[in-house]
Amino acid sequence: LFYETVNNGHGLPHDPFKSCIVPRPIGWISTVDGNGVV
């Protein structure tokens, strides 16, 4: 796949190619009870 970044011509306010890469999870958030069970 070759994606020309200089002459994109898609006419959208944001680059659609970036939506393939981001958003991505940065971290997992959970809790642990008093017994150490997730």
PDB file of N, CA and C in Angstrom:
ATOM      1  N   LEU A   1       0.850  -1.176   0.000  1.00  0.00           N
ATOM      2  CA  LEU A   1       0.000   0.000   0.000  1.00  0.00           C
ATOM      3  C   LEU A   1       0.885   1.225   0.000  1.00  0.00           C
ATOM      4  N   PHE A   2       0.626   2.139  -0.921  1.00  0.00           N
ATOM      5  CA  PHE A   2       1.338   3.409  -0.958  1.00  0.00           C
ATOM      6  C   PHE A   2       0.317   4.510  -0.787  1.00  0.00           C
ATOM      7  N   TYR A   3       0.503   5.339   0.210  1.00  0.00           N
ATOM      8  CA  TYR A   3      -0.412   6.445   0.497  1.00  0.00           C
ATOM      9  C   TYR A   3       0.346   7.752   0.334  1.00  0.00           C
ATOM     10  N   GLU A   4      -0.050   8.543  -0.632  1.00  0.00           N
ATOM     11  CA  GLU A   4       0.603   9.827  -0.895  1.00  0.00           C
ATOM     12  C   GLU A   4       0.105  10.849   0.114  1.00  0.00           C
ATOM     13  N   THR A   5       0.985  11.284   1.015  1.00  0.00           N
ATOM     14  CA  THR A   5       0.577  12.215   2.069  1.00  0.00           C
ATOM     15  C   THR A   5       0.582  13.667   1.620  1.00  0.00           C
ATOM     16  N   VAL A   6       1.355  14.006   0.612  1.00  0.00           N
ATOM     17  CA  VAL A   6       1.425  15.396   0.158  1.00  0.00           C
ATOM     18  C   VAL A   6       0.192  15.753  -0.667  1.00  0.00           C
ATOM     19  N   ASN A   7      -0.204  14.893  -1.578  1.00  0.00           N
ATOM     20  CA  ASN A   7      -1.341  15.147  -2.454  1.00  0.00           C
ATOM     21  C   ASN A   7      -2.449  14.154  -2.113  1.00  0.00           C
ATOM     22  N   ASN A   8      -3.127  14.382  -0.961  1.00  0.00           N
ATOM     23  CA  ASN A   8      -4.124  13.405  -0.508  1.00  0.00           C
ATOM     24  C   ASN A   8      -5.432  13.514  -1.281  1.00  0.00           C
ATOM     25  N   GLY A   9      -5.952  14.707  -1.531  1.00  0.00           N
ATOM     26  CA  GLY A   9      -7.132  14.903  -2.356  1.00  0.00           C
ATOM     27  C   GLY A   9      -8.420  14.276  -1.847  1.00  0.00           C
ATOM     28  N   HIS A  10      -8.483  13.889  -0.575  1.00  0.00           N
ATOM     29  CA  HIS A  10      -9.716  13.278  -0.073  1.00  0.00           C
ATOM     30  C   HIS A  10     -10.759  14.321   0.288  1.00  0.00           C
ATOM     31  N   GLY A  11     -10.361  15.579   0.534  1.00  0.00           N
ATOM     32  CA  GLY A  11     -11.307  16.656   0.801  1.00  0.00           C
ATOM     33  C   GLY A  11     -11.955  16.608   2.168  1.00  0.00           C
ATOM     34  N   LEU A  12     -11.450  15.810   3.059  1.00  0.00           N
ATOM     35  CA  LEU A  12     -11.997  15.702   4.405  1.00  0.00           C
ATOM     36  C   LEU A  12     -11.200  16.588   5.359  1.00  0.00           C
ATOM     37  N   PRO A  13     -11.836  17.056   6.447  1.00  0.00           N
ATOM     38  CA  PRO A  13     -11.112  17.926   7.377  1.00  0.00           C
ATOM     39  C   PRO A  13      -9.984  17.210   8.123  1.00  0.00           C
ATOM     40  N   HIS A  14     -10.091  15.891   8.286  1.00  0.00           N
ATOM     41  CA  HIS A  14      -9.060  15.113   8.974  1.00  0.00           C
ATOM     42  C   HIS A  14      -8.616  13.973   8.070  1.00  0.00           C
ATOM     43  N   ASP A  15      -7.402  13.540   8.273  1.00  0.00           N
ATOM     44  CA  ASP A  15      -6.821  12.489   7.446  1.00  0.00           C
ATOM     45  C   ASP A  15      -7.461  11.133   7.778  1.00  0.00           C
ATOM     46  N   PRO A  16      -8.138  10.476   6.832  1.00  0.00           N
ATOM     47  CA  PRO A  16      -8.776   9.186   7.119  1.00  0.00           C
ATOM     48  C   PRO A  16      -7.768   8.071   7.374  1.00  0.00           C
ATOM     49  N   PHE A  17      -6.541   8.214   6.915  1.00  0.00           N
ATOM     50  CA  PHE A  17      -5.521   7.192   7.144  1.00  0.00           C
ATOM     51  C   PHE A  17      -5.151   7.102   8.618  1.00  0.00           C
ATOM     52  N   LYS A  18      -5.213   8.230   9.317  1.00  0.00           N
ATOM     53  CA  LYS A  18      -4.882   8.237  10.742  1.00  0.00           C
ATOM     54  C   LYS A  18      -5.919   7.484  11.564  1.00  0.00           C
ATOM     55  N   SER A  19      -7.146   7.396  11.092  1.00  0.00           N
ATOM     56  CA  SER A  19      -8.167   6.670  11.840  1.00  0.00           C
ATOM     57  C   SER A  19      -7.906   5.172  11.837  1.00  0.00           C
ATOM     58  N   CYS A  20      -7.101   4.694  10.912  1.00  0.00           N
ATOM     59  CA  CYS A  20      -6.707   3.284  10.916  1.00  0.00           C
ATOM     60  C   CYS A  20      -5.694   3.008  12.015  1.00  0.00           C
ATOM     61  N   ILE A  21      -4.933   4.023  12.385  1.00  0.00           N
ATOM     62  CA  ILE A  21      -3.855   3.853  13.353  1.00  0.00           C
ATOM     63  C   ILE A  21      -4.298   4.263  14.754  1.00  0.00           C
ATOM     64  N   VAL A  22      -5.044   5.328  14.878  1.00  0.00           N
ATOM     65  CA  VAL A  22      -5.514   5.806  16.167  1.00  0.00           C
ATOM     66  C   VAL A  22      -7.029   5.867  16.144  1.00  0.00           C
ATOM     67  N   PRO A  23      -7.787   5.818  17.140  1.00  0.00           N
ATOM     68  CA  PRO A  23      -7.348   5.734  18.525  1.00  0.00           C
ATOM     69  C   PRO A  23      -6.905   4.329  18.896  1.00  0.00           C
ATOM     70  N   ARG A  24      -6.004   4.254  19.807  1.00  0.00           N
ATOM     71  CA  ARG A  24      -5.528   2.973  20.309  1.00  0.00           C
ATOM     72  C   ARG A  24      -5.548   3.031  21.829  1.00  0.00           C
ATOM     73  N   PRO A  25      -5.745   1.915  22.480  1.00  0.00           N
ATOM     74  CA  PRO A  25      -5.777   1.937  23.950  1.00  0.00           C
ATOM     75  C   PRO A  25      -4.409   2.312  24.511  1.00  0.00           C
ATOM     76  N   ILE A  26      -4.409   3.194  25.472  1.00  0.00           N
ATOM     77  CA  ILE A  26      -3.163   3.631  26.096  1.00  0.00           C
ATOM     78  C   ILE A  26      -2.901   2.818  27.358  1.00  0.00           C
ATOM     79  N   GLY A  27      -3.930   2.414  28.051  1.00  0.00           N
ATOM     80  CA  GLY A  27      -3.760   1.634  29.273  1.00  0.00           C
ATOM     81  C   GLY A  27      -5.071   1.000  29.678  1.00  0.00           C
ATOM     82  N   TRP A  28      -4.980   0.014  30.515  1.00  0.00           N
ATOM     83  CA  TRP A  28      -6.164  -0.655  31.030  1.00  0.00           C
ATOM     84  C   TRP A  28      -6.376  -0.198  32.464  1.00  0.00           C
ATOM     85  N   ILE A  29      -7.618   0.154  32.800  1.00  0.00           N
ATOM     86  CA  ILE A  29      -7.950   0.627  34.137  1.00  0.00           C
ATOM     87  C   ILE A  29      -8.894  -0.384  34.769  1.00  0.00           C
ATOM     88  N   SER A  30      -8.545  -0.840  35.964  1.00  0.00           N
ATOM     89  CA  SER A  30      -9.402  -1.772  36.690  1.00  0.00           C
ATOM     90  C   SER A  30      -9.236  -1.523  38.183  1.00  0.00           C
ATOM     91  N   THR A  31      -9.993  -2.263  38.963  1.00  0.00           N
ATOM     92  CA  THR A  31      -9.894  -2.156  40.413  1.00  0.00           C
ATOM     93  C   THR A  31      -9.586  -3.522  40.999  1.00  0.00           C
ATOM     94  N   VAL A  32      -9.055  -3.507  42.209  1.00  0.00           N
ATOM     95  CA  VAL A  32      -8.732  -4.737  42.936  1.00  0.00           C
ATOM     96  C   VAL A  32      -9.401  -4.637  44.300  1.00  0.00           C
ATOM     97  N   ASP A  33     -10.072  -5.717  44.721  1.00  0.00           N
ATOM     98  CA  ASP A  33     -10.714  -5.689  46.029  1.00  0.00           C
ATOM     99  C   ASP A  33      -9.702  -6.005  47.136  1.00  0.00           C
ATOM    100  N   GLY A  34     -10.164  -6.077  48.357  1.00  0.00           N
ATOM    101  CA  GLY A  34      -9.294  -6.318  49.505  1.00  0.00           C
ATOM    102  C   GLY A  34      -8.567  -7.649  49.469  1.00  0.00           C
ATOM    103  N   ASN A  35      -9.127  -8.636  48.754  1.00  0.00           N
ATOM    104  CA  ASN A  35      -8.490  -9.947  48.632  1.00  0.00           C
ATOM    105  C   ASN A  35      -7.541 -10.030  47.443  1.00  0.00           C
ATOM    106  N   GLY A  36      -7.399  -8.962  46.704  1.00  0.00           N
ATOM    107  CA  GLY A  36      -6.513  -8.951  45.543  1.00  0.00           C
ATOM    108  C   GLY A  36      -7.146  -9.496  44.280  1.00  0.00           C
ATOM    109  N   VAL A  37      -8.477  -9.611  44.272  1.00  0.00           N
ATOM    110  CA  VAL A  37      -9.183 -10.129  43.106  1.00  0.00           C
ATOM    111  C   VAL A  37      -9.533  -8.961  42.187  1.00  0.00           C
ATOM    112  N   VAL A  38      -9.245  -9.139  40.924  1.00  0.00           N
ATOM    113  CA  VAL A  38      -9.542  -8.085  39.957  1.00  0.00           C
ATOM    114  C   VAL A  38     -11.011  -8.074  39.643  1.00  0.00           C
TER     115      VAL A  38
END
